[in-house]
Amino acid sequence: MIYLIYTNEEDAYARADIEGQRIGYSYWTKGIGTRWSTTPIPTAEGKYVLNVTTYDLTDEEEAVTVTSFNPVPIEEE
């Protein structure tokens, strides 16, 4: 998998919106249903990653993708 890292959740969702529109998901054509193919995941560093493995990326985005990240640790009960 490949990911893009964002400093805030809003920018990550904005990129997910672009991909959802490009694909033509029903949220964008009918106002209901699927909006994104992936959603942002918080990182341990306070940033957000977006799984962009299936996205149509620009050359600039391709250049800054990563293959791993540090997820927020899950607290055990």
N, C-alpha and C. Protein backbone atom coordinates (compact mmCIF):
# COMPACT_ATOMS: atom_id res chain seq x y z
N MET A 1 0.83 -1.18 0.00
CA MET A 1 0.00 0.00 0.00
C MET A 1 0.88 1.24 0.00
N ILE A 2 0.33 2.31 -0.58
CA ILE A 2 1.04 3.59 -0.53
C ILE A 2 0.12 4.64 0.08
N TYR A 3 0.75 5.60 0.74
CA TYR A 3 0.01 6.60 1.49
C TYR A 3 0.55 8.00 1.20
N LEU A 4 -0.34 8.98 1.37
CA LEU A 4 0.06 10.38 1.40
C LEU A 4 -0.14 10.86 2.83
N ILE A 5 0.79 11.65 3.33
CA ILE A 5 0.71 12.18 4.68
C ILE A 5 0.25 13.63 4.64
N TYR A 6 -0.70 13.96 5.51
CA TYR A 6 -1.24 15.32 5.60
C TYR A 6 -1.08 15.84 7.02
N THR A 7 -0.87 17.15 7.14
CA THR A 7 -0.71 17.75 8.46
C THR A 7 -2.03 17.91 9.18
N ASN A 8 -3.15 17.90 8.41
CA ASN A 8 -4.45 18.02 9.07
C ASN A 8 -5.48 17.15 8.35
N GLU A 9 -6.52 16.82 9.09
CA GLU A 9 -7.56 15.93 8.59
C GLU A 9 -8.35 16.55 7.44
N GLU A 10 -8.55 17.86 7.49
CA GLU A 10 -9.32 18.53 6.45
C GLU A 10 -8.68 18.38 5.08
N ASP A 11 -7.36 18.54 5.01
CA ASP A 11 -6.67 18.40 3.72
C ASP A 11 -6.75 16.96 3.21
N ALA A 12 -6.66 16.01 4.12
CA ALA A 12 -6.76 14.60 3.71
C ALA A 12 -8.16 14.31 3.16
N TYR A 13 -9.19 14.80 3.84
CA TYR A 13 -10.55 14.60 3.33
C TYR A 13 -10.76 15.33 2.00
N ALA A 14 -10.14 16.49 1.84
CA ALA A 14 -10.26 17.22 0.58
C ALA A 14 -9.70 16.40 -0.58
N ARG A 15 -8.58 15.71 -0.33
CA ARG A 15 -7.99 14.87 -1.38
C ARG A 15 -8.86 13.65 -1.64
N ALA A 16 -9.44 13.08 -0.59
CA ALA A 16 -10.35 11.95 -0.76
C ALA A 16 -11.58 12.38 -1.56
N ASP A 17 -12.05 13.61 -1.34
CA ASP A 17 -13.17 14.14 -2.11
C ASP A 17 -12.84 14.21 -3.60
N ILE A 18 -11.65 14.68 -3.91
CA ILE A 18 -11.23 14.79 -5.31
C ILE A 18 -11.28 13.42 -5.99
N GLU A 19 -10.78 12.41 -5.30
CA GLU A 19 -10.78 11.07 -5.89
C GLU A 19 -12.20 10.53 -6.02
N GLY A 20 -13.04 10.77 -5.02
CA GLY A 20 -14.43 10.33 -5.10
C GLY A 20 -15.17 10.96 -6.26
N GLN A 21 -14.89 12.24 -6.51
CA GLN A 21 -15.50 12.94 -7.64
C GLN A 21 -14.99 12.36 -8.95
N ARG A 22 -13.68 12.10 -9.02
CA ARG A 22 -13.08 11.55 -10.24
C ARG A 22 -13.70 10.21 -10.59
N ILE A 23 -13.92 9.38 -9.58
CA ILE A 23 -14.50 8.06 -9.80
C ILE A 23 -15.97 8.16 -10.16
N GLY A 24 -16.64 9.20 -9.65
CA GLY A 24 -18.06 9.38 -9.92
C GLY A 24 -18.94 8.67 -8.92
N TYR A 25 -18.47 8.60 -7.66
CA TYR A 25 -19.28 7.96 -6.63
C TYR A 25 -20.63 8.64 -6.51
N SER A 26 -21.62 7.87 -6.04
CA SER A 26 -23.00 8.35 -6.00
C SER A 26 -23.19 9.60 -5.15
N TYR A 27 -22.38 9.78 -4.12
CA TYR A 27 -22.48 11.00 -3.32
C TYR A 27 -22.35 12.24 -4.21
N TRP A 28 -21.47 12.14 -5.19
CA TRP A 28 -21.18 13.29 -6.06
C TRP A 28 -22.15 13.40 -7.23
N THR A 29 -22.84 12.33 -7.57
CA THR A 29 -23.76 12.38 -8.70
C THR A 29 -25.23 12.45 -8.27
N LYS A 30 -25.55 11.86 -7.09
CA LYS A 30 -26.94 11.82 -6.63
C LYS A 30 -27.14 12.43 -5.25
N GLY A 31 -26.04 12.78 -4.59
CA GLY A 31 -26.13 13.38 -3.26
C GLY A 31 -26.30 12.40 -2.12
N ILE A 32 -26.25 11.11 -2.42
CA ILE A 32 -26.34 10.08 -1.38
C ILE A 32 -25.39 8.94 -1.72
N GLY A 33 -25.05 8.15 -0.71
CA GLY A 33 -24.23 6.97 -0.96
C GLY A 33 -22.75 7.22 -0.75
N THR A 34 -21.95 6.42 -1.42
CA THR A 34 -20.50 6.42 -1.24
C THR A 34 -19.89 7.74 -1.67
N ARG A 35 -19.00 8.25 -0.80
CA ARG A 35 -18.33 9.52 -1.07
C ARG A 35 -16.84 9.33 -1.33
N TRP A 36 -16.18 8.44 -0.55
CA TRP A 36 -14.73 8.25 -0.64
C TRP A 36 -14.40 6.78 -0.82
N SER A 37 -13.25 6.51 -1.44
CA SER A 37 -12.77 5.13 -1.50
C SER A 37 -11.92 4.81 -0.28
N THR A 38 -11.27 5.83 0.29
CA THR A 38 -10.52 5.67 1.55
C THR A 38 -10.71 6.93 2.38
N THR A 39 -10.51 6.80 3.69
CA THR A 39 -10.64 7.94 4.59
C THR A 39 -9.35 8.11 5.39
N PRO A 40 -9.10 9.31 5.91
CA PRO A 40 -7.87 9.57 6.64
C PRO A 40 -7.74 8.71 7.90
N ILE A 41 -6.50 8.35 8.19
CA ILE A 41 -6.16 7.57 9.37
C ILE A 41 -5.20 8.43 10.21
N PRO A 42 -5.49 8.62 11.51
CA PRO A 42 -4.58 9.41 12.34
C PRO A 42 -3.27 8.67 12.59
N THR A 43 -2.19 9.44 12.69
CA THR A 43 -0.88 8.85 12.97
C THR A 43 -0.45 9.19 14.40
N ALA A 44 0.54 8.47 14.88
CA ALA A 44 1.09 8.70 16.22
C ALA A 44 1.74 10.08 16.33
N GLU A 45 2.11 10.66 15.20
CA GLU A 45 2.76 11.98 15.18
C GLU A 45 1.76 13.13 15.09
N GLY A 46 0.48 12.83 15.13
CA GLY A 46 -0.54 13.87 15.06
C GLY A 46 -0.87 14.32 13.65
N LYS A 47 -0.50 13.53 12.66
CA LYS A 47 -0.82 13.84 11.27
C LYS A 47 -1.88 12.84 10.79
N TYR A 48 -2.18 12.87 9.51
CA TYR A 48 -3.16 11.97 8.93
C TYR A 48 -2.60 11.37 7.65
N VAL A 49 -2.86 10.10 7.44
CA VAL A 49 -2.46 9.45 6.19
C VAL A 49 -3.70 9.03 5.43
N LEU A 50 -3.54 8.98 4.13
CA LEU A 50 -4.61 8.55 3.24
C LEU A 50 -4.05 7.43 2.37
N ASN A 51 -4.71 6.28 2.42
CA ASN A 51 -4.30 5.17 1.57
C ASN A 51 -4.66 5.54 0.14
N VAL A 52 -3.66 5.75 -0.69
CA VAL A 52 -3.88 6.20 -2.06
C VAL A 52 -3.44 5.16 -3.09
N THR A 53 -3.41 3.91 -2.66
CA THR A 53 -2.95 2.82 -3.52
C THR A 53 -3.70 2.79 -4.85
N THR A 54 -5.00 3.04 -4.83
CA THR A 54 -5.79 2.97 -6.06
C THR A 54 -6.10 4.34 -6.65
N TYR A 55 -5.55 5.40 -6.07
CA TYR A 55 -5.84 6.76 -6.55
C TYR A 55 -5.08 7.07 -7.84
N ASP A 56 -5.62 7.99 -8.60
CA ASP A 56 -4.94 8.54 -9.76
C ASP A 56 -4.13 9.73 -9.25
N LEU A 57 -2.83 9.52 -9.04
CA LEU A 57 -1.98 10.52 -8.41
C LEU A 57 -1.28 11.40 -9.43
N THR A 58 -1.02 12.64 -9.02
CA THR A 58 -0.19 13.53 -9.83
C THR A 58 1.27 13.12 -9.66
N ASP A 59 2.13 13.62 -10.52
CA ASP A 59 3.56 13.34 -10.39
C ASP A 59 4.09 13.84 -9.04
N GLU A 60 3.59 14.99 -8.60
CA GLU A 60 4.03 15.56 -7.32
C GLU A 60 3.61 14.67 -6.16
N GLU A 61 2.40 14.15 -6.23
CA GLU A 61 1.93 13.24 -5.18
C GLU A 61 2.72 11.94 -5.19
N GLU A 62 2.94 11.40 -6.37
CA GLU A 62 3.72 10.15 -6.49
C GLU A 62 5.08 10.30 -5.82
N ALA A 63 5.69 11.47 -5.95
CA ALA A 63 7.03 11.70 -5.42
C ALA A 63 7.09 11.72 -3.90
N VAL A 64 5.95 11.95 -3.24
CA VAL A 64 5.98 12.05 -1.78
C VAL A 64 5.18 10.95 -1.08
N THR A 65 4.82 9.89 -1.81
CA THR A 65 4.12 8.79 -1.16
C THR A 65 5.06 8.03 -0.24
N VAL A 66 4.48 7.38 0.76
CA VAL A 66 5.24 6.54 1.68
C VAL A 66 4.57 5.16 1.71
N THR A 67 5.31 4.16 2.16
CA THR A 67 4.78 2.80 2.20
C THR A 67 4.42 2.34 3.61
N SER A 68 4.69 3.17 4.60
CA SER A 68 4.32 2.81 5.97
C SER A 68 4.14 4.07 6.80
N PHE A 69 3.51 3.91 7.97
CA PHE A 69 3.31 5.02 8.89
C PHE A 69 3.12 4.45 10.29
N ASN A 70 3.19 5.32 11.29
CA ASN A 70 2.99 4.91 12.67
C ASN A 70 1.56 5.22 13.09
N PRO A 71 0.70 4.20 13.19
CA PRO A 71 -0.68 4.47 13.60
C PRO A 71 -0.77 4.87 15.06
N VAL A 72 -1.88 5.49 15.41
CA VAL A 72 -2.13 5.82 16.81
C VAL A 72 -2.26 4.50 17.56
N PRO A 73 -1.53 4.34 18.66
CA PRO A 73 -1.61 3.07 19.40
C PRO A 73 -3.02 2.85 19.95
N ILE A 74 -3.45 1.62 19.91
CA ILE A 74 -4.74 1.24 20.46
C ILE A 74 -4.56 0.88 21.92
N GLU A 75 -5.30 1.56 22.78
CA GLU A 75 -5.20 1.28 24.20
C GLU A 75 -5.95 0.01 24.54
N GLU A 76 -5.27 -0.86 25.27
CA GLU A 76 -5.92 -2.09 25.72
C GLU A 76 -6.63 -1.86 27.03
N GLU A 77 -7.76 -2.52 27.18
CA GLU A 77 -8.56 -2.35 28.39
C GLU A 77 -8.07 -3.25 29.50
